Structure formats: C-alpha cells, structure tokens
Amino acid sequence: MTTMTRERLLSEAEHLMREKGYSAFSYADLSKIVGITKASIHHHFPTKDILAKKW
C-alpha cells in the first residue's frame, strides 16, 4: 500500500466514523469510497480498533 493510499484510508475512515459512528462504520463502506478491496484494508488494518487508533 502506498503512503498516499494509507493516508486516504485513514482520512476516509475518520470521516465515516464521525459521520456514522464507530459501530455503524464498516470496511465495506471504506472500500467503496477508497476503491480497494476489503481484504486490502484488512491486510494493513486487521481490525477497526487498530484503524481507529491510527488517526
């Protein structure tokens, strides 16, 4: 994953979590917005907790 993709994932995840709330946010939502597979997201951020702690 490029640094740019990682930064975009973190930015979009933050936006989704603020908009929908942590429990309603999903990797499916994030993958549609960023344009990568859920598996790619899970490879770098195995859980939502890990992703949330990065931003």
PDB file of N, CA and C in Angstrom:
ATOM      1  N   MET A   1       0.852  -1.166   0.000  1.00  0.00           N
ATOM      2  CA  MET A   1       0.000   0.000   0.000  1.00  0.00           C
ATOM      3  C   MET A   1       0.897   1.228   0.000  1.00  0.00           C
ATOM      4  N   THR A   2       0.577   2.151  -0.836  1.00  0.00           N
ATOM      5  CA  THR A   2       1.368   3.371  -0.864  1.00  0.00           C
ATOM      6  C   THR A   2       1.021   4.245   0.333  1.00  0.00           C
ATOM      7  N   THR A   3       1.921   5.141   0.648  1.00  0.00           N
ATOM      8  CA  THR A   3       1.673   6.074   1.746  1.00  0.00           C
ATOM      9  C   THR A   3       0.422   6.893   1.465  1.00  0.00           C
ATOM     10  N   MET A   4       0.238   7.266   0.192  1.00  0.00           N
ATOM     11  CA  MET A   4      -0.927   8.059  -0.182  1.00  0.00           C
ATOM     12  C   MET A   4      -2.225   7.284   0.066  1.00  0.00           C
ATOM     13  N   THR A   5      -2.244   5.995  -0.293  1.00  0.00           N
ATOM     14  CA  THR A   5      -3.425   5.169  -0.068  1.00  0.00           C
ATOM     15  C   THR A   5      -3.682   5.021   1.425  1.00  0.00           C
ATOM     16  N   ARG A   6      -2.650   4.796   2.191  1.00  0.00           N
ATOM     17  CA  ARG A   6      -2.786   4.658   3.644  1.00  0.00           C
ATOM     18  C   ARG A   6      -3.361   5.936   4.246  1.00  0.00           C
ATOM     19  N   GLU A   7      -2.847   7.077   3.818  1.00  0.00           N
ATOM     20  CA  GLU A   7      -3.346   8.356   4.322  1.00  0.00           C
ATOM     21  C   GLU A   7      -4.804   8.567   3.933  1.00  0.00           C
ATOM     22  N   ARG A   8      -5.152   8.175   2.716  1.00  0.00           N
ATOM     23  CA  ARG A   8      -6.542   8.309   2.281  1.00  0.00           C
ATOM     24  C   ARG A   8      -7.446   7.386   3.087  1.00  0.00           C
ATOM     25  N   LEU A   9      -7.000   6.159   3.331  1.00  0.00           N
ATOM     26  CA  LEU A   9      -7.780   5.235   4.159  1.00  0.00           C
ATOM     27  C   LEU A   9      -8.043   5.832   5.535  1.00  0.00           C
ATOM     28  N   LEU A  10      -7.005   6.362   6.139  1.00  0.00           N
ATOM     29  CA  LEU A  10      -7.150   6.944   7.475  1.00  0.00           C
ATOM     30  C   LEU A  10      -8.085   8.144   7.448  1.00  0.00           C
ATOM     31  N   SER A  11      -7.945   8.989   6.444  1.00  0.00           N
ATOM     32  CA  SER A  11      -8.789  10.177   6.330  1.00  0.00           C
ATOM     33  C   SER A  11     -10.256   9.803   6.119  1.00  0.00           C
ATOM     34  N   GLU A  12     -10.504   8.897   5.188  1.00  0.00           N
ATOM     35  CA  GLU A  12     -11.885   8.484   4.903  1.00  0.00           C
ATOM     36  C   GLU A  12     -12.481   7.708   6.073  1.00  0.00           C
ATOM     37  N   ALA A  13     -11.680   6.902   6.740  1.00  0.00           N
ATOM     38  CA  ALA A  13     -12.167   6.163   7.907  1.00  0.00           C
ATOM     39  C   ALA A  13     -12.577   7.131   9.011  1.00  0.00           C
ATOM     40  N   GLU A  14     -11.769   8.146   9.230  1.00  0.00           N
ATOM     41  CA  GLU A  14     -12.115   9.149  10.240  1.00  0.00           C
ATOM     42  C   GLU A  14     -13.432   9.820   9.882  1.00  0.00           C
ATOM     43  N   HIS A  15     -13.576  10.197   8.627  1.00  0.00           N
ATOM     44  CA  HIS A  15     -14.810  10.852   8.178  1.00  0.00           C
ATOM     45  C   HIS A  15     -16.022   9.938   8.396  1.00  0.00           C
ATOM     46  N   LEU A  16     -15.904   8.678   7.982  1.00  0.00           N
ATOM     47  CA  LEU A  16     -17.016   7.739   8.142  1.00  0.00           C
ATOM     48  C   LEU A  16     -17.356   7.497   9.607  1.00  0.00           C
ATOM     49  N   MET A  17     -16.339   7.359  10.440  1.00  0.00           N
ATOM     50  CA  MET A  17     -16.594   7.110  11.861  1.00  0.00           C
ATOM     51  C   MET A  17     -17.269   8.305  12.515  1.00  0.00           C
ATOM     52  N   ARG A  18     -16.873   9.493  12.131  1.00  0.00           N
ATOM     53  CA  ARG A  18     -17.515  10.687  12.689  1.00  0.00           C
ATOM     54  C   ARG A  18     -18.947  10.826  12.177  1.00  0.00           C
ATOM     55  N   GLU A  19     -19.157  10.482  10.912  1.00  0.00           N
ATOM     56  CA  GLU A  19     -20.472  10.611  10.296  1.00  0.00           C
ATOM     57  C   GLU A  19     -21.442   9.530  10.763  1.00  0.00           C
ATOM     58  N   LYS A  20     -21.005   8.276  10.760  1.00  0.00           N
ATOM     59  CA  LYS A  20     -21.878   7.139  11.052  1.00  0.00           C
ATOM     60  C   LYS A  20     -21.764   6.629  12.480  1.00  0.00           C
ATOM     61  N   GLY A  21     -20.642   6.914  13.108  1.00  0.00           N
ATOM     62  CA  GLY A  21     -20.367   6.332  14.408  1.00  0.00           C
ATOM     63  C   GLY A  21     -19.526   5.080  14.243  1.00  0.00           C
ATOM     64  N   TYR A  22     -18.760   4.782  15.259  1.00  0.00           N
ATOM     65  CA  TYR A  22     -17.822   3.657  15.194  1.00  0.00           C
ATOM     66  C   TYR A  22     -18.525   2.337  14.880  1.00  0.00           C
ATOM     67  N   SER A  23     -19.623   2.055  15.554  1.00  0.00           N
ATOM     68  CA  SER A  23     -20.269   0.749  15.386  1.00  0.00           C
ATOM     69  C   SER A  23     -20.939   0.587  14.023  1.00  0.00           C
ATOM     70  N   ALA A  24     -21.358   1.681  13.389  1.00  0.00           N
ATOM     71  CA  ALA A  24     -22.031   1.596  12.087  1.00  0.00           C
ATOM     72  C   ALA A  24     -21.060   1.644  10.912  1.00  0.00           C
ATOM     73  N   PHE A  25     -19.854   2.086  11.149  1.00  0.00           N
ATOM     74  CA  PHE A  25     -18.828   2.159  10.106  1.00  0.00           C
ATOM     75  C   PHE A  25     -18.360   0.755   9.739  1.00  0.00           C
ATOM     76  N   SER A  26     -18.161   0.503   8.448  1.00  0.00           N
ATOM     77  CA  SER A  26     -17.679  -0.824   8.036  1.00  0.00           C
ATOM     78  C   SER A  26     -16.565  -0.712   7.003  1.00  0.00           C
ATOM     79  N   TYR A  27     -15.796  -1.781   6.907  1.00  0.00           N
ATOM     80  CA  TYR A  27     -14.747  -1.832   5.887  1.00  0.00           C
ATOM     81  C   TYR A  27     -15.372  -1.864   4.494  1.00  0.00           C
ATOM     82  N   ALA A  28     -16.581  -2.375   4.362  1.00  0.00           N
ATOM     83  CA  ALA A  28     -17.266  -2.366   3.063  1.00  0.00           C
ATOM     84  C   ALA A  28     -17.505  -0.929   2.614  1.00  0.00           C
ATOM     85  N   ASP A  29     -17.955  -0.075   3.539  1.00  0.00           N
ATOM     86  CA  ASP A  29     -18.146   1.347   3.224  1.00  0.00           C
ATOM     87  C   ASP A  29     -16.831   1.971   2.784  1.00  0.00           C
ATOM     88  N   LEU A  30     -15.803   1.719   3.545  1.00  0.00           N
ATOM     89  CA  LEU A  30     -14.495   2.306   3.280  1.00  0.00           C
ATOM     90  C   LEU A  30     -13.926   1.817   1.948  1.00  0.00           C
ATOM     91  N   SER A  31     -14.094   0.549   1.651  1.00  0.00           N
ATOM     92  CA  SER A  31     -13.544   0.014   0.400  1.00  0.00           C
ATOM     93  C   SER A  31     -14.218   0.629  -0.819  1.00  0.00           C
ATOM     94  N   LYS A  32     -15.514   0.901  -0.724  1.00  0.00           N
ATOM     95  CA  LYS A  32     -16.225   1.543  -1.837  1.00  0.00           C
ATOM     96  C   LYS A  32     -15.712   2.955  -2.075  1.00  0.00           C
ATOM     97  N   ILE A  33     -15.488   3.686  -1.012  1.00  0.00           N
ATOM     98  CA  ILE A  33     -15.034   5.071  -1.129  1.00  0.00           C
ATOM     99  C   ILE A  33     -13.608   5.149  -1.656  1.00  0.00           C
ATOM    100  N   VAL A  34     -12.733   4.324  -1.123  1.00  0.00           N
ATOM    101  CA  VAL A  34     -11.314   4.393  -1.477  1.00  0.00           C
ATOM    102  C   VAL A  34     -11.016   3.639  -2.777  1.00  0.00           C
ATOM    103  N   GLY A  35     -11.840   2.640  -3.094  1.00  0.00           N
ATOM    104  CA  GLY A  35     -11.644   1.904  -4.337  1.00  0.00           C
ATOM    105  C   GLY A  35     -10.661   0.755  -4.247  1.00  0.00           C
ATOM    106  N   ILE A  36     -10.564   0.162  -3.067  1.00  0.00           N
ATOM    107  CA  ILE A  36      -9.744  -1.038  -2.896  1.00  0.00           C
ATOM    108  C   ILE A  36     -10.589  -2.103  -2.210  1.00  0.00           C
ATOM    109  N   THR A  37     -10.111  -3.323  -2.197  1.00  0.00           N
ATOM    110  CA  THR A  37     -10.888  -4.409  -1.605  1.00  0.00           C
ATOM    111  C   THR A  37     -10.830  -4.372  -0.074  1.00  0.00           C
ATOM    112  N   LYS A  38     -11.843  -4.989   0.525  1.00  0.00           N
ATOM    113  CA  LYS A  38     -11.841  -5.113   1.985  1.00  0.00           C
ATOM    114  C   LYS A  38     -10.627  -5.905   2.447  1.00  0.00           C
ATOM    115  N   ALA A  39     -10.239  -6.904   1.665  1.00  0.00           N
ATOM    116  CA  ALA A  39      -9.070  -7.716   2.023  1.00  0.00           C
ATOM    117  C   ALA A  39      -7.810  -6.859   2.096  1.00  0.00           C
ATOM    118  N   SER A  40      -7.685  -5.894   1.196  1.00  0.00           N
ATOM    119  CA  SER A  40      -6.522  -4.996   1.225  1.00  0.00           C
ATOM    120  C   SER A  40      -6.521  -4.150   2.487  1.00  0.00           C
ATOM    121  N   ILE A  41      -7.684  -3.697   2.888  1.00  0.00           N
ATOM    122  CA  ILE A  41      -7.780  -2.906   4.118  1.00  0.00           C
ATOM    123  C   ILE A  41      -7.408  -3.782   5.312  1.00  0.00           C
ATOM    124  N   HIS A  42      -7.976  -4.989   5.369  1.00  0.00           N
ATOM    125  CA  HIS A  42      -7.690  -5.911   6.478  1.00  0.00           C
ATOM    126  C   HIS A  42      -6.218  -6.299   6.552  1.00  0.00           C
ATOM    127  N   HIS A  43      -5.555  -6.352   5.418  1.00  0.00           N
ATOM    128  CA  HIS A  43      -4.133  -6.699   5.406  1.00  0.00           C
ATOM    129  C   HIS A  43      -3.320  -5.677   6.205  1.00  0.00           C
ATOM    130  N   HIS A  44      -3.670  -4.420   6.077  1.00  0.00           N
ATOM    131  CA  HIS A  44      -2.918  -3.353   6.734  1.00  0.00           C
ATOM    132  C   HIS A  44      -3.510  -2.933   8.072  1.00  0.00           C
ATOM    133  N   PHE A  45      -4.807  -3.078   8.209  1.00  0.00           N
ATOM    134  CA  PHE A  45      -5.502  -2.739   9.451  1.00  0.00           C
ATOM    135  C   PHE A  45      -6.422  -3.914   9.786  1.00  0.00           C
ATOM    136  N   PRO A  46      -5.911  -4.939  10.478  1.00  0.00           N
ATOM    137  CA  PRO A  46      -6.684  -6.157  10.725  1.00  0.00           C
ATOM    138  C   PRO A  46      -8.012  -5.939  11.458  1.00  0.00           C
ATOM    139  N   THR A  47      -8.098  -4.894  12.266  1.00  0.00           N
ATOM    140  CA  THR A  47      -9.344  -4.622  12.988  1.00  0.00           C
ATOM    141  C   THR A  47      -9.680  -3.141  12.928  1.00  0.00           C
ATOM    142  N   LYS A  48     -10.951  -2.849  13.167  1.00  0.00           N
ATOM    143  CA  LYS A  48     -11.366  -1.442  13.219  1.00  0.00           C
ATOM    144  C   LYS A  48     -10.688  -0.725  14.379  1.00  0.00           C
ATOM    145  N   ASP A  49     -10.455  -1.421  15.468  1.00  0.00           N
ATOM    146  CA  ASP A  49      -9.773  -0.805  16.613  1.00  0.00           C
ATOM    147  C   ASP A  49      -8.385  -0.310  16.223  1.00  0.00           C
ATOM    148  N   ILE A  50      -7.653  -1.136  15.501  1.00  0.00           N
ATOM    149  CA  ILE A  50      -6.308  -0.739  15.063  1.00  0.00           C
ATOM    150  C   ILE A  50      -6.392   0.458  14.129  1.00  0.00           C
ATOM    151  N   LEU A  51      -7.331   0.424  13.201  1.00  0.00           N
ATOM    152  CA  LEU A  51      -7.506   1.542  12.273  1.00  0.00           C
ATOM    153  C   LEU A  51      -7.868   2.820  13.018  1.00  0.00           C
ATOM    154  N   ALA A  52      -8.800   2.725  13.946  1.00  0.00           N
ATOM    155  CA  ALA A  52      -9.238   3.907  14.699  1.00  0.00           C
ATOM    156  C   ALA A  52      -8.106   4.505  15.532  1.00  0.00           C
ATOM    157  N   LYS A  53      -7.245   3.671  16.063  1.00  0.00           N
ATOM    158  CA  LYS A  53      -6.136   4.168  16.888  1.00  0.00           C
ATOM    159  C   LYS A  53      -5.080   4.894  16.071  1.00  0.00           C
ATOM    160  N   LYS A  54      -5.031   4.644  14.759  1.00  0.00           N
ATOM    161  CA  LYS A  54      -4.024   5.272  13.901  1.00  0.00           C
ATOM    162  C   LYS A  54      -4.329   6.735  13.604  1.00  0.00           C
ATOM    163  N   TRP A  55      -5.569   7.140  13.700  1.00  0.00           N
ATOM    164  CA  TRP A  55      -5.876   8.547  13.453  1.00  0.00           C
ATOM    165  C   TRP A  55      -6.156   9.201  14.763  1.00  0.00           C
TER     166      TRP A  55
END
